Protein backbone atom coordinates (compact mmCIF):
# COMPACT_ATOMS: atom_id res chain seq x y z
CA MET A 1 269.10 116.97 121.53
CA SER A 2 271.39 119.54 120.13
CA THR A 3 272.01 122.70 122.14
CA TYR A 4 273.54 124.13 119.11
CA TYR A 5 270.41 123.95 116.84
CA ILE A 6 268.26 125.27 119.88
CA ALA A 7 270.12 128.31 120.30
CA THR A 8 270.39 128.79 116.58
CA GLU A 9 266.33 128.58 116.40
CA VAL A 10 265.94 131.00 119.23
CA LYS A 11 268.52 133.52 117.62
CA PHE A 12 266.82 133.45 114.41
CA ALA A 13 263.25 133.60 115.90
CA TYR A 14 263.86 136.13 118.12
CA GLY A 15 264.47 139.06 115.84
CA GLY A 16 261.39 138.37 113.93
CA MET A 17 259.34 137.78 117.12
CA MET A 18 260.40 141.26 118.37
CA MET A 19 259.35 143.11 115.17
CA VAL A 20 255.83 141.32 115.32
CA VAL A 21 254.86 141.34 118.97
CA GLU A 22 253.88 144.69 120.12
CA PRO A 23 255.22 145.92 123.56
CA GLU A 24 251.68 145.97 125.04
CA ASP A 25 251.59 142.23 124.58
CA TRP A 26 254.69 141.74 126.51
CA ARG A 27 253.34 143.67 129.47
CA GLU A 28 250.65 141.22 130.27
CA LYS A 29 253.43 138.34 130.18
CA GLU A 30 255.69 140.39 132.67
CA THR A 31 253.07 140.18 135.38
CA ARG A 32 252.76 136.51 135.38
CA SER A 33 253.92 134.26 138.40
CA ALA A 34 256.84 131.71 137.95
CA GLN A 35 254.06 128.96 138.04
CA GLN A 36 252.02 130.58 135.19
CA LEU A 37 255.14 131.20 133.17
CA SER A 38 256.22 127.52 133.47
CA GLU A 39 252.88 126.39 132.43
CA THR A 40 252.99 128.62 129.41
CA LEU A 41 256.54 127.30 128.53
CA LEU A 42 255.47 123.59 128.98
CA GLU A 43 252.48 124.24 126.67
CA LEU A 44 254.86 125.86 124.06
CA ALA A 45 257.50 123.00 124.54
CA LYS A 46 254.80 120.34 123.60
CA LYS A 47 254.50 121.97 120.01
CA VAL A 48 258.16 121.76 119.08
CA ARG A 49 259.29 119.32 116.59
CA LEU A 50 262.13 117.43 118.13
CA SER A 51 263.20 115.89 114.82
CA THR A 52 264.37 119.38 113.84
CA LEU A 53 266.61 119.87 116.88
CA ARG A 54 268.24 116.24 116.82
CA LYS A 55 272.02 115.99 117.01
CA HIS A 56 273.64 115.37 113.73
CA PRO A 57 274.56 111.69 113.67
CA ARG A 58 278.40 110.99 113.41
CA ALA A 59 279.37 108.88 110.45
CA ALA A 60 281.76 105.91 110.83
CA LYS A 61 285.62 106.50 110.34
CA LYS A 62 286.77 105.43 107.09
CA LYS A 63 289.73 103.06 107.38
CA VAL A 64 292.58 104.34 105.06
CA LYS A 65 295.61 102.23 104.28
CA LYS A 66 298.51 104.44 104.76
CA GLY A 67 301.55 103.94 102.37
CA TYR A 68 304.19 103.38 105.31
CA VAL A 69 307.34 101.67 104.42
CA PRO A 70 308.18 98.50 106.35
CA GLY A 71 309.69 99.04 109.88
CA LYS A 72 312.87 97.21 108.88
CA VAL A 73 313.54 99.74 106.08
CA ALA A 74 312.61 102.83 108.09
CA ARG A 75 314.98 101.77 111.03
CA LYS A 76 317.92 101.12 108.71
CA HIS A 77 320.88 103.46 109.50
CA VAL A 78 322.62 105.16 106.72
CA ALA A 79 325.43 107.48 107.23
CA THR A 80 325.01 111.02 106.07
CA ALA A 81 328.44 111.00 104.47
CA ARG A 82 327.76 107.88 102.56
CA VAL A 83 324.49 109.56 101.09
CA SER A 84 326.20 112.67 100.07
CA LYS A 85 329.25 110.95 98.68
CA GLY A 86 327.20 108.71 96.47
CA PRO A 87 327.91 105.36 95.02
């Protein structure tokens, strides 16, 4: 389960919820005990579609052939004076 997707869902739902739900409705919820609150949260959690909060599957890495020169050529020493002098 992706915590990013959960946080995003809560972030976007919170603003709309605060516009729709009246303050009087919250007062009844504030007086609940921890046990009552946990039971309500569990009931709400049962209605969540987990497929919408699934982590994004990572694709397999693509193997790319790099255009390296052979090691023998790369390690060959050439003097700077010889290169700047030319043939």
